Full PDB file with SEQRES, HELIX, SHEET, SSBOND, CRYST1, ORIGX, SCALE, CONECT and MASTER records, all heavy atoms in Angstrom:
SEQRES   1 A   41  VAL SER ARG HIS PHE VAL THR LEU HIS VAL GLY ALA GLY          
SEQRES   2 A   41  THR PHE LEU PRO VAL LYS ALA ASP ASP THR ASP ASP HIS          
SEQRES   3 A   41  ARG MET HIS ALA GLU TRP GLY THR VAL SER PRO GLU THR          
SEQRES   4 A   41  ALA ALA                                                      
HELIX    1 AA1 ALA A   12  PHE A   15  5                                   4    
HELIX    2 AA2 THR A   23  ASP A   25  5                                   3    
HELIX    3 AA3 PRO A   37  ALA A   40  1                                   4    
CRYST1    1.000    1.000    1.000  90.00  90.00  90.00 P 1           1          
ORIGX1      1.000000  0.000000  0.000000        0.00000                         
ORIGX2      0.000000  1.000000  0.000000        0.00000                         
ORIGX3      0.000000  0.000000  1.000000        0.00000                         
SCALE1      1.000000  0.000000  0.000000        0.00000                         
SCALE2      0.000000  1.000000  0.000000        0.00000                         
SCALE3      0.000000  0.000000  1.000000        0.00000                         
ATOM      1  N   VAL A   1       0.863  -1.185   0.000  1.00  0.00           N  
ATOM      2  CA  VAL A   1       0.000   0.000   0.000  1.00  0.00           C  
ATOM      3  C   VAL A   1       0.899   1.234   0.000  1.00  0.00           C  
ATOM      4  O   VAL A   1       1.681   1.431   0.930  1.00  0.00           O  
ATOM      5  CB  VAL A   1      -0.931   0.011   1.227  1.00  0.00           C  
ATOM      6  CG1 VAL A   1      -1.763   1.292   1.266  1.00  0.00           C  
ATOM      7  CG2 VAL A   1      -1.832  -1.223   1.233  1.00  0.00           C  
ATOM      8  N   SER A   2       0.808   2.041  -1.025  1.00  0.00           N  
ATOM      9  CA  SER A   2       1.655   3.235  -1.113  1.00  0.00           C  
ATOM     10  C   SER A   2       1.042   4.365  -0.306  1.00  0.00           C  
ATOM     11  O   SER A   2      -0.147   4.355   0.022  1.00  0.00           O  
ATOM     12  CB  SER A   2       1.826   3.666  -2.574  1.00  0.00           C  
ATOM     13  OG  SER A   2       0.567   3.953  -3.166  1.00  0.00           O  
ATOM     14  N   ARG A   3       1.843   5.356   0.035  1.00  0.00           N  
ATOM     15  CA  ARG A   3       1.311   6.521   0.741  1.00  0.00           C  
ATOM     16  C   ARG A   3       1.769   7.798   0.039  1.00  0.00           C  
ATOM     17  O   ARG A   3       2.888   7.883  -0.470  1.00  0.00           O  
ATOM     18  CB  ARG A   3       1.711   6.519   2.214  1.00  0.00           C  
ATOM     19  CG  ARG A   3       3.183   6.572   2.517  1.00  0.00           C  
ATOM     20  CD  ARG A   3       3.381   6.606   4.045  1.00  0.00           C  
ATOM     21  NE  ARG A   3       4.771   6.629   4.444  1.00  0.00           N  
ATOM     22  CZ  ARG A   3       5.488   5.565   4.746  1.00  0.00           C  
ATOM     23  NH1 ARG A   3       4.935   4.364   4.673  1.00  0.00           N  
ATOM     24  NH2 ARG A   3       6.756   5.679   5.111  1.00  0.00           N  
ATOM     25  N   HIS A   4       0.861   8.760   0.034  1.00  0.00           N  
ATOM     26  CA  HIS A   4       1.072  10.007  -0.682  1.00  0.00           C  
ATOM     27  C   HIS A   4       0.552  11.142   0.192  1.00  0.00           C  
ATOM     28  O   HIS A   4      -0.478  11.006   0.853  1.00  0.00           O  
ATOM     29  CB  HIS A   4       0.338   9.973  -2.023  1.00  0.00           C  
ATOM     30  CG  HIS A   4       0.615   8.723  -2.806  1.00  0.00           C  
ATOM     31  ND1 HIS A   4       1.678   8.607  -3.662  1.00  0.00           N  
ATOM     32  CD2 HIS A   4      -0.023   7.511  -2.810  1.00  0.00           C  
ATOM     33  CE1 HIS A   4       1.692   7.386  -4.189  1.00  0.00           C  
ATOM     34  NE2 HIS A   4       0.662   6.713  -3.694  1.00  0.00           N  
ATOM     35  N   PHE A   5       1.258  12.267   0.164  1.00  0.00           N  
ATOM     36  CA  PHE A   5       0.927  13.369   1.052  1.00  0.00           C  
ATOM     37  C   PHE A   5       0.346  14.547   0.281  1.00  0.00           C  
ATOM     38  O   PHE A   5       0.818  14.899  -0.802  1.00  0.00           O  
ATOM     39  CB  PHE A   5       2.165  13.821   1.831  1.00  0.00           C  
ATOM     40  CG  PHE A   5       2.648  12.781   2.808  1.00  0.00           C  
ATOM     41  CD1 PHE A   5       3.716  11.950   2.489  1.00  0.00           C  
ATOM     42  CD2 PHE A   5       2.020  12.618   4.037  1.00  0.00           C  
ATOM     43  CE1 PHE A   5       4.154  10.978   3.382  1.00  0.00           C  
ATOM     44  CE2 PHE A   5       2.453  11.658   4.938  1.00  0.00           C  
ATOM     45  CZ  PHE A   5       3.523  10.834   4.609  1.00  0.00           C  
ATOM     46  N   VAL A   6      -0.681  15.117   0.862  1.00  0.00           N  
ATOM     47  CA  VAL A   6      -1.247  16.387   0.420  1.00  0.00           C  
ATOM     48  C   VAL A   6      -1.252  17.309   1.630  1.00  0.00           C  
ATOM     49  O   VAL A   6      -1.010  16.870   2.757  1.00  0.00           O  
ATOM     50  CB  VAL A   6      -2.673  16.214  -0.145  1.00  0.00           C  
ATOM     51  CG1 VAL A   6      -2.664  15.330  -1.375  1.00  0.00           C  
ATOM     52  CG2 VAL A   6      -3.616  15.647   0.932  1.00  0.00           C  
ATOM     53  N   THR A   7      -1.519  18.585   1.414  1.00  0.00           N  
ATOM     54  CA  THR A   7      -1.585  19.533   2.518  1.00  0.00           C  
ATOM     55  C   THR A   7      -2.900  20.294   2.457  1.00  0.00           C  
ATOM     56  O   THR A   7      -3.212  20.920   1.447  1.00  0.00           O  
ATOM     57  CB  THR A   7      -0.421  20.545   2.460  1.00  0.00           C  
ATOM     58  OG1 THR A   7       0.823  19.847   2.439  1.00  0.00           O  
ATOM     59  CG2 THR A   7      -0.454  21.470   3.674  1.00  0.00           C  
ATOM     60  N   LEU A   8      -3.690  20.209   3.519  1.00  0.00           N  
ATOM     61  CA  LEU A   8      -4.857  21.069   3.681  1.00  0.00           C  
ATOM     62  C   LEU A   8      -4.777  21.652   5.088  1.00  0.00           C  
ATOM     63  O   LEU A   8      -4.797  20.913   6.076  1.00  0.00           O  
ATOM     64  CB  LEU A   8      -6.169  20.313   3.514  1.00  0.00           C  
ATOM     65  CG  LEU A   8      -7.402  21.225   3.600  1.00  0.00           C  
ATOM     66  CD1 LEU A   8      -7.555  22.038   2.315  1.00  0.00           C  
ATOM     67  CD2 LEU A   8      -8.680  20.444   3.878  1.00  0.00           C  
ATOM     68  N   HIS A   9      -4.637  22.959   5.171  1.00  0.00           N  
ATOM     69  CA  HIS A   9      -4.549  23.623   6.471  1.00  0.00           C  
ATOM     70  C   HIS A   9      -5.962  23.759   7.049  1.00  0.00           C  
ATOM     71  O   HIS A   9      -6.720  24.647   6.665  1.00  0.00           O  
ATOM     72  CB  HIS A   9      -3.878  24.987   6.331  1.00  0.00           C  
ATOM     73  CG  HIS A   9      -2.425  24.909   5.997  1.00  0.00           C  
ATOM     74  ND1 HIS A   9      -1.598  23.918   6.499  1.00  0.00           N  
ATOM     75  CD2 HIS A   9      -1.630  25.687   5.211  1.00  0.00           C  
ATOM     76  CE1 HIS A   9      -0.359  24.094   6.046  1.00  0.00           C  
ATOM     77  NE2 HIS A   9      -0.355  25.161   5.267  1.00  0.00           N  
ATOM     78  N   VAL A  10      -6.280  22.873   7.969  1.00  0.00           N  
ATOM     79  CA  VAL A  10      -7.623  22.796   8.535  1.00  0.00           C  
ATOM     80  C   VAL A  10      -7.915  24.063   9.325  1.00  0.00           C  
ATOM     81  O   VAL A  10      -7.115  24.492  10.155  1.00  0.00           O  
ATOM     82  CB  VAL A  10      -7.760  21.566   9.459  1.00  0.00           C  
ATOM     83  CG1 VAL A  10      -9.229  21.339   9.810  1.00  0.00           C  
ATOM     84  CG2 VAL A  10      -7.147  20.332   8.807  1.00  0.00           C  
ATOM     85  N   GLY A  11      -9.086  24.674   9.084  1.00  0.00           N  
ATOM     86  CA  GLY A  11      -9.458  25.908   9.755  1.00  0.00           C  
ATOM     87  C   GLY A  11     -10.379  25.680  10.939  1.00  0.00           C  
ATOM     88  O   GLY A  11     -10.964  24.603  11.104  1.00  0.00           O  
ATOM     89  N   ALA A  12     -10.522  26.698  11.782  1.00  0.00           N  
ATOM     90  CA  ALA A  12     -11.401  26.611  12.951  1.00  0.00           C  
ATOM     91  C   ALA A  12     -12.862  26.496  12.554  1.00  0.00           C  
ATOM     92  O   ALA A  12     -13.708  26.125  13.374  1.00  0.00           O  
ATOM     93  CB  ALA A  12     -11.203  27.823  13.855  1.00  0.00           C  
ATOM     94  N   GLY A  13     -13.186  26.792  11.301  1.00  0.00           N  
ATOM     95  CA  GLY A  13     -14.552  26.637  10.831  1.00  0.00           C  
ATOM     96  C   GLY A  13     -15.044  25.205  10.944  1.00  0.00           C  
ATOM     97  O   GLY A  13     -16.254  24.958  10.967  1.00  0.00           O  
ATOM     98  N   THR A  14     -14.108  24.255  11.028  1.00  0.00           N  
ATOM     99  CA  THR A  14     -14.496  22.853  11.170  1.00  0.00           C  
ATOM    100  C   THR A  14     -15.242  22.611  12.473  1.00  0.00           C  
ATOM    101  O   THR A  14     -15.959  21.637  12.615  1.00  0.00           O  
ATOM    102  CB  THR A  14     -13.247  21.939  11.072  1.00  0.00           C  
ATOM    103  OG1 THR A  14     -13.652  20.578  10.969  1.00  0.00           O  
ATOM    104  CG2 THR A  14     -12.374  22.067  12.310  1.00  0.00           C  
ATOM    105  N   PHE A  15     -15.045  23.490  13.477  1.00  0.00           N  
ATOM    106  CA  PHE A  15     -15.725  23.338  14.754  1.00  0.00           C  
ATOM    107  C   PHE A  15     -17.097  23.994  14.782  1.00  0.00           C  
ATOM    108  O   PHE A  15     -17.855  23.796  15.731  1.00  0.00           O  
ATOM    109  CB  PHE A  15     -14.893  23.972  15.881  1.00  0.00           C  
ATOM    110  CG  PHE A  15     -13.538  23.345  16.070  1.00  0.00           C  
ATOM    111  CD1 PHE A  15     -12.456  24.130  16.432  1.00  0.00           C  
ATOM    112  CD2 PHE A  15     -13.343  21.988  15.902  1.00  0.00           C  
ATOM    113  CE1 PHE A  15     -11.199  23.565  16.628  1.00  0.00           C  
ATOM    114  CE2 PHE A  15     -12.093  21.416  16.089  1.00  0.00           C  
ATOM    115  CZ  PHE A  15     -11.018  22.208  16.457  1.00  0.00           C  
ATOM    116  N   LEU A  16     -17.410  24.822  13.785  1.00  0.00           N  
ATOM    117  CA  LEU A  16     -18.634  25.609  13.846  1.00  0.00           C  
ATOM    118  C   LEU A  16     -19.857  24.749  13.560  1.00  0.00           C  
ATOM    119  O   LEU A  16     -19.865  23.951  12.614  1.00  0.00           O  
ATOM    120  CB  LEU A  16     -18.576  26.759  12.840  1.00  0.00           C  
ATOM    121  CG  LEU A  16     -17.488  27.811  13.076  1.00  0.00           C  
ATOM    122  CD1 LEU A  16     -17.556  28.878  12.001  1.00  0.00           C  
ATOM    123  CD2 LEU A  16     -17.624  28.436  14.460  1.00  0.00           C  
ATOM    124  N   PRO A  17     -20.908  24.902  14.351  1.00  0.00           N  
ATOM    125  CA  PRO A  17     -22.147  24.159  14.080  1.00  0.00           C  
ATOM    126  C   PRO A  17     -22.849  24.707  12.847  1.00  0.00           C  
ATOM    127  O   PRO A  17     -22.636  25.853  12.449  1.00  0.00           O  
ATOM    128  CB  PRO A  17     -22.974  24.406  15.346  1.00  0.00           C  
ATOM    129  CG  PRO A  17     -22.498  25.742  15.840  1.00  0.00           C  
ATOM    130  CD  PRO A  17     -21.030  25.793  15.517  1.00  0.00           C  
ATOM    131  N   VAL A  18     -23.668  23.860  12.243  1.00  0.00           N  
ATOM    132  CA  VAL A  18     -24.500  24.304  11.132  1.00  0.00           C  
ATOM    133  C   VAL A  18     -25.748  24.934  11.730  1.00  0.00           C  
ATOM    134  O   VAL A  18     -26.577  24.250  12.335  1.00  0.00           O  
ATOM    135  CB  VAL A  18     -24.864  23.126  10.209  1.00  0.00           C  
ATOM    136  CG1 VAL A  18     -25.795  23.597   9.090  1.00  0.00           C  
ATOM    137  CG2 VAL A  18     -23.598  22.500   9.630  1.00  0.00           C  
ATOM    138  N   LYS A  19     -25.889  26.246  11.592  1.00  0.00           N  
ATOM    139  CA  LYS A  19     -27.014  26.964  12.186  1.00  0.00           C  
ATOM    140  C   LYS A  19     -28.197  27.080  11.242  1.00  0.00           C  
ATOM    141  O   LYS A  19     -29.320  27.362  11.667  1.00  0.00           O  
ATOM    142  CB  LYS A  19     -26.558  28.348  12.641  1.00  0.00           C  
ATOM    143  CG  LYS A  19     -25.516  28.294  13.764  1.00  0.00           C  
ATOM    144  CD  LYS A  19     -25.117  29.690  14.208  1.00  0.00           C  
ATOM    145  CE  LYS A  19     -24.112  29.621  15.351  1.00  0.00           C  
ATOM    146  NZ  LYS A  19     -23.694  30.980  15.807  1.00  0.00           N  
ATOM    147  N   ALA A  20     -27.960  26.876   9.969  1.00  0.00           N  
ATOM    148  CA  ALA A  20     -29.050  26.973   8.992  1.00  0.00           C  
ATOM    149  C   ALA A  20     -29.987  25.774   9.124  1.00  0.00           C  
ATOM    150  O   ALA A  20     -29.594  24.697   9.593  1.00  0.00           O  
ATOM    151  CB  ALA A  20     -28.474  27.041   7.581  1.00  0.00           C  
ATOM    152  N   ASP A  21     -31.220  25.944   8.693  1.00  0.00           N  
ATOM    153  CA  ASP A  21     -32.181  24.845   8.701  1.00  0.00           C  
ATOM    154  C   ASP A  21     -32.032  23.964   7.470  1.00  0.00           C  
ATOM    155  O   ASP A  21     -32.439  22.802   7.483  1.00  0.00           O  
ATOM    156  CB  ASP A  21     -33.612  25.391   8.778  1.00  0.00           C  
ATOM    157  CG  ASP A  21     -33.896  26.100  10.097  1.00  0.00           C  
ATOM    158  OD1 ASP A  21     -33.351  25.663  11.136  1.00  0.00           O  
ATOM    159  OD2 ASP A  21     -34.653  27.089  10.080  1.00  0.00           O  
ATOM    160  N   ASP A  22     -31.471  24.547   6.408  1.00  0.00           N  
ATOM    161  CA  ASP A  22     -31.303  23.817   5.148  1.00  0.00           C  
ATOM    162  C   ASP A  22     -29.844  23.868   4.742  1.00  0.00           C  
ATOM    163  O   ASP A  22     -29.196  24.906   4.894  1.00  0.00           O  
ATOM    164  CB  ASP A  22     -32.183  24.437   4.055  1.00  0.00           C  
ATOM    165  CG  ASP A  22     -32.288  23.555   2.824  1.00  0.00           C  
ATOM    166  OD1 ASP A  22     -31.299  23.493   2.059  1.00  0.00           O  
ATOM    167  OD2 ASP A  22     -33.342  22.933   2.632  1.00  0.00           O  
ATOM    168  N   THR A  23     -29.324  22.762   4.228  1.00  0.00           N  
ATOM    169  CA  THR A  23     -27.914  22.717   3.845  1.00  0.00           C  
ATOM    170  C   THR A  23     -27.580  23.741   2.769  1.00  0.00           C  
ATOM    171  O   THR A  23     -26.446  24.224   2.703  1.00  0.00           O  
ATOM    172  CB  THR A  23     -27.535  21.310   3.348  1.00  0.00           C  
ATOM    173  OG1 THR A  23     -28.394  20.941   2.257  1.00  0.00           O  
ATOM    174  CG2 THR A  23     -27.669  20.278   4.463  1.00  0.00           C  
ATOM    175  N   ASP A  24     -28.546  24.104   1.924  1.00  0.00           N  
ATOM    176  CA  ASP A  24     -28.296  25.082   0.870  1.00  0.00           C  
ATOM    177  C   ASP A  24     -27.949  26.457   1.429  1.00  0.00           C  
ATOM    178  O   ASP A  24     -27.359  27.287   0.721  1.00  0.00           O  
ATOM    179  CB  ASP A  24     -29.519  25.214  -0.047  1.00  0.00           C  
ATOM    180  CG  ASP A  24     -29.714  24.010  -0.946  1.00  0.00           C  
ATOM    181  OD1 ASP A  24     -28.755  23.216  -1.084  1.00  0.00           O  
ATOM    182  OD2 ASP A  24     -30.822  23.846  -1.486  1.00  0.00           O  
ATOM    183  N   ASP A  25     -28.309  26.705   2.681  1.00  0.00           N  
ATOM    184  CA  ASP A  25     -28.089  28.020   3.280  1.00  0.00           C  
ATOM    185  C   ASP A  25     -26.819  28.083   4.124  1.00  0.00           C  
ATOM    186  O   ASP A  25     -26.533  29.126   4.723  1.00  0.00           O  
ATOM    187  CB  ASP A  25     -29.289  28.401   4.149  1.00  0.00           C  
ATOM    188  CG  ASP A  25     -30.579  28.504   3.344  1.00  0.00           C  
ATOM    189  OD1 ASP A  25     -30.498  28.956   2.185  1.00  0.00           O  
ATOM    190  OD2 ASP A  25     -31.640  28.107   3.863  1.00  0.00           O  
ATOM    191  N   HIS A  26     -26.078  26.987   4.188  1.00  0.00           N  
ATOM    192  CA  HIS A  26     -24.861  26.969   5.007  1.00  0.00           C  
ATOM    193  C   HIS A  26     -23.658  27.408   4.175  1.00  0.00           C  
ATOM    194  O   HIS A  26     -23.482  26.955   3.040  1.00  0.00           O  
ATOM    195  CB  HIS A  26     -24.600  25.573   5.576  1.00  0.00           C  
ATOM    196  CG  HIS A  26     -23.340  25.487   6.377  1.00  0.00           C  
ATOM    197  ND1 HIS A  26     -23.195  26.092   7.612  1.00  0.00           N  
ATOM    198  CD2 HIS A  26     -22.147  24.876   6.110  1.00  0.00           C  
ATOM    199  CE1 HIS A  26     -21.981  25.846   8.079  1.00  0.00           C  
ATOM    200  NE2 HIS A  26     -21.329  25.120   7.190  1.00  0.00           N  
ATOM    201  N   ARG A  27     -22.827  28.263   4.753  1.00  0.00           N  
ATOM    202  CA  ARG A  27     -21.615  28.727   4.074  1.00  0.00           C  
ATOM    203  C   ARG A  27     -20.389  28.081   4.708  1.00  0.00           C  
ATOM    204  O   ARG A  27     -20.146  28.205   5.895  1.00  0.00           O  
ATOM    205  CB  ARG A  27     -21.479  30.256   4.174  1.00  0.00           C  
ATOM    206  CG  ARG A  27     -20.223  30.815   3.488  1.00  0.00           C  
ATOM    207  CD  ARG A  27     -20.187  32.328   3.587  1.00  0.00           C  
ATOM    208  NE  ARG A  27     -19.955  32.790   4.945  1.00  0.00           N  
ATOM    209  CZ  ARG A  27     -18.731  33.001   5.450  1.00  0.00           C  
ATOM    210  NH1 ARG A  27     -17.658  32.780   4.718  1.00  0.00           N  
ATOM    211  NH2 ARG A  27     -18.595  33.443   6.679  1.00  0.00           N  
ATOM    212  N   MET A  28     -19.619  27.382   3.884  1.00  0.00           N  
ATOM    213  CA  MET A  28     -18.371  26.778   4.347  1.00  0.00           C  
ATOM    214  C   MET A  28     -17.265  27.833   4.361  1.00  0.00           C  
ATOM    215  O   MET A  28     -17.213  28.700   3.475  1.00  0.00           O  
ATOM    216  CB  MET A  28     -17.955  25.637   3.412  1.00  0.00           C  
ATOM    217  CG  MET A  28     -18.864  24.424   3.457  1.00  0.00           C  
ATOM    218  SD  MET A  28     -18.682  23.426   4.949  1.00  0.00           S  
ATOM    219  CE  MET A  28     -17.123  22.584   4.614  1.00  0.00           C  
ATOM    220  N   HIS A  29     -16.372  27.765   5.345  1.00  0.00           N  
ATOM    221  CA  HIS A  29     -15.197  28.622   5.354  1.00  0.00           C  
ATOM    222  C   HIS A  29     -14.119  27.988   4.468  1.00  0.00           C  
ATOM    223  O   HIS A  29     -13.908  26.777   4.497  1.00  0.00           O  
ATOM    224  CB  HIS A  29     -14.666  28.795   6.775  1.00  0.00           C  
ATOM    225  CG  HIS A  29     -15.477  29.756   7.593  1.00  0.00           C  
ATOM    226  ND1 HIS A  29     -16.626  29.367   8.259  1.00  0.00           N  
ATOM    227  CD2 HIS A  29     -15.326  31.079   7.837  1.00  0.00           C  
ATOM    228  CE1 HIS A  29     -17.145  30.411   8.888  1.00  0.00           C  
ATOM    229  NE2 HIS A  29     -16.387  31.461   8.647  1.00  0.00           N  
ATOM    230  N   ALA A  30     -13.459  28.823   3.688  1.00  0.00           N  
ATOM    231  CA  ALA A  30     -12.429  28.320   2.784  1.00  0.00           C  
ATOM    232  C   ALA A  30     -11.184  27.897   3.566  1.00  0.00           C  
ATOM    233  O   ALA A  30     -10.850  28.480   4.599  1.00  0.00           O  
ATOM    234  CB  ALA A  30     -12.055  29.387   1.762  1.00  0.00           C  
ATOM    235  N   GLU A  31     -10.513  26.881   3.063  1.00  0.00           N  
ATOM    236  CA  GLU A  31      -9.245  26.406   3.614  1.00  0.00           C  
ATOM    237  C   GLU A  31      -8.252  26.269   2.466  1.00  0.00           C  
ATOM    238  O   GLU A  31      -8.631  25.936   1.345  1.00  0.00           O  
ATOM    239  CB  GLU A  31      -9.435  25.059   4.323  1.00  0.00           C  
ATOM    240  CG  GLU A  31     -10.372  25.141   5.513  1.00  0.00           C  
ATOM    241  CD  GLU A  31     -10.844  23.774   5.998  1.00  0.00           C  
ATOM    242  OE1 GLU A  31     -11.230  22.946   5.145  1.00  0.00           O  
ATOM    243  OE2 GLU A  31     -10.835  23.535   7.214  1.00  0.00           O  
ATOM    244  N   TRP A  32      -6.980  26.515   2.768  1.00  0.00           N  
ATOM    245  CA  TRP A  32      -5.960  26.463   1.719  1.00  0.00           C  
ATOM    246  C   TRP A  32      -5.354  25.070   1.659  1.00  0.00           C  
ATOM    247  O   TRP A  32      -5.056  24.453   2.691  1.00  0.00           O  
ATOM    248  CB  TRP A  32      -4.857  27.481   1.993  1.00  0.00           C  
ATOM    249  CG  TRP A  32      -3.831  27.536   0.887  1.00  0.00           C  
ATOM    250  CD1 TRP A  32      -3.863  28.315  -0.226  1.00  0.00           C  
ATOM    251  CD2 TRP A  32      -2.634  26.754   0.786  1.00  0.00           C  
ATOM    252  NE1 TRP A  32      -2.765  28.076  -1.018  1.00  0.00           N  
ATOM    253  CE2 TRP A  32      -1.987  27.122  -0.422  1.00  0.00           C  
ATOM    254  CE3 TRP A  32      -2.051  25.785   1.597  1.00  0.00           C  
ATOM    255  CZ2 TRP A  32      -0.787  26.548  -0.829  1.00  0.00           C  
ATOM    256  CZ3 TRP A  32      -0.857  25.196   1.191  1.00  0.00           C  
ATOM    257  CH2 TRP A  32      -0.235  25.590  -0.020  1.00  0.00           C  
ATOM    258  N   GLY A  33      -5.176  24.577   0.425  1.00  0.00           N  
ATOM    259  CA  GLY A  33      -4.585  23.256   0.260  1.00  0.00           C  
ATOM    260  C   GLY A  33      -3.779  23.155  -1.008  1.00  0.00           C  
ATOM    261  O   GLY A  33      -3.876  23.999  -1.910  1.00  0.00           O  
ATOM    262  N   THR A  34      -2.995  22.087  -1.076  1.00  0.00           N  
ATOM    263  CA  THR A  34      -2.188  21.848  -2.274  1.00  0.00           C  
ATOM    264  C   THR A  34      -2.033  20.354  -2.534  1.00  0.00           C  
ATOM    265  O   THR A  34      -1.856  19.556  -1.602  1.00  0.00           O  
ATOM    266  CB  THR A  34      -0.801  22.515  -2.151  1.00  0.00           C  
ATOM    267  OG1 THR A  34      -0.060  22.306  -3.357  1.00  0.00           O  
ATOM    268  CG2 THR A  34      -0.010  21.960  -0.982  1.00  0.00           C  
ATOM    269  N   VAL A  35      -2.144  19.994  -3.809  1.00  0.00           N  
ATOM    270  CA  VAL A  35      -1.830  18.658  -4.307  1.00  0.00           C  
ATOM    271  C   VAL A  35      -0.727  18.845  -5.333  1.00  0.00           C  
ATOM    272  O   VAL A  35      -0.930  19.511  -6.351  1.00  0.00           O  
ATOM    273  CB  VAL A  35      -3.057  17.984  -4.965  1.00  0.00           C  
ATOM    274  CG1 VAL A  35      -2.686  16.604  -5.485  1.00  0.00           C  
ATOM    275  CG2 VAL A  35      -4.227  17.900  -3.991  1.00  0.00           C  
ATOM    276  N   SER A  36       0.428  18.299  -5.063  1.00  0.00           N  
ATOM    277  CA  SER A  36       1.567  18.516  -5.958  1.00  0.00           C  
ATOM    278  C   SER A  36       1.378  17.767  -7.271  1.00  0.00           C  
ATOM    279  O   SER A  36       0.633  16.772  -7.335  1.00  0.00           O  
ATOM    280  CB  SER A  36       2.857  18.047  -5.292  1.00  0.00           C  
ATOM    281  OG  SER A  36       2.887  16.627  -5.212  1.00  0.00           O  
ATOM    282  N   PRO A  37       2.056  18.203  -8.342  1.00  0.00           N  
ATOM    283  CA  PRO A  37       1.993  17.455  -9.604  1.00  0.00           C  
ATOM    284  C   PRO A  37       2.448  16.008  -9.443  1.00  0.00           C  
ATOM    285  O   PRO A  37       1.877  15.109 -10.073  1.00  0.00           O  
ATOM    286  CB  PRO A  37       2.940  18.240 -10.520  1.00  0.00           C  
ATOM    287  CG  PRO A  37       2.937  19.636  -9.969  1.00  0.00           C  
ATOM    288  CD  PRO A  37       2.817  19.474  -8.485  1.00  0.00           C  
ATOM    289  N   GLU A  38       3.448  15.787  -8.577  1.00  0.00           N  
ATOM    290  CA  GLU A  38       3.963  14.429  -8.367  1.00  0.00           C  
ATOM    291  C   GLU A  38       2.907  13.543  -7.704  1.00  0.00           C  
ATOM    292  O   GLU A  38       2.713  12.380  -8.089  1.00  0.00           O  
ATOM    293  CB  GLU A  38       5.232  14.475  -7.511  1.00  0.00           C  
ATOM    294  CG  GLU A  38       6.417  15.163  -8.157  1.00  0.00           C  
ATOM    295  CD  GLU A  38       6.330  16.684  -8.129  1.00  0.00           C  
ATOM    296  OE1 GLU A  38       5.472  17.236  -7.397  1.00  0.00           O  
ATOM    297  OE2 GLU A  38       7.104  17.333  -8.870  1.00  0.00           O  
ATOM    298  N   THR A  39       2.221  14.084  -6.706  1.00  0.00           N  
ATOM    299  CA  THR A  39       1.181  13.306  -6.030  1.00  0.00           C  
ATOM    300  C   THR A  39       0.009  13.041  -6.967  1.00  0.00           C  
ATOM    301  O   THR A  39      -0.526  11.925  -7.008  1.00  0.00           O  
ATOM    302  CB  THR A  39       0.698  14.043  -4.772  1.00  0.00           C  
ATOM    303  OG1 THR A  39       1.767  14.088  -3.823  1.00  0.00           O  
ATOM    304  CG2 THR A  39      -0.499  13.352  -4.141  1.00  0.00           C  
ATOM    305  N   ALA A  40      -0.402  14.050  -7.729  1.00  0.00           N  
ATOM    306  CA  ALA A  40      -1.500  13.859  -8.678  1.00  0.00           C  
ATOM    307  C   ALA A  40      -1.158  12.758  -9.680  1.00  0.00           C  
ATOM    308  O   ALA A  40      -1.983  11.866  -9.949  1.00  0.00           O  
ATOM    309  CB  ALA A  40      -1.797  15.169  -9.404  1.00  0.00           C  
ATOM    310  N   ALA A  41       0.049  12.789 -10.220  1.00  0.00           N  
ATOM    311  CA  ALA A  41       0.463  11.776 -11.201  1.00  0.00           C  
ATOM    312  C   ALA A  41       0.499  10.386 -10.573  1.00  0.00           C  
ATOM    313  O   ALA A  41       0.073   9.394 -11.196  1.00  0.00           O  
ATOM    314  CB  ALA A  41       1.836  12.139 -11.772  1.00  0.00           C  
TER     315      ALA A  41                                                      
MASTER        0    0    0    3    0    0    0    6  314    1    0    4          
END                                                                             
């Protein structure tokens, strides 16, 4: 089993509850990430 690394800097938004009644009304906070060309290949 091979292993490959990516980077996603997890934000504090992951702790926030969903306050909307419908999923269409929920706004996700953006997080920065990268998948290298080597990992993608």
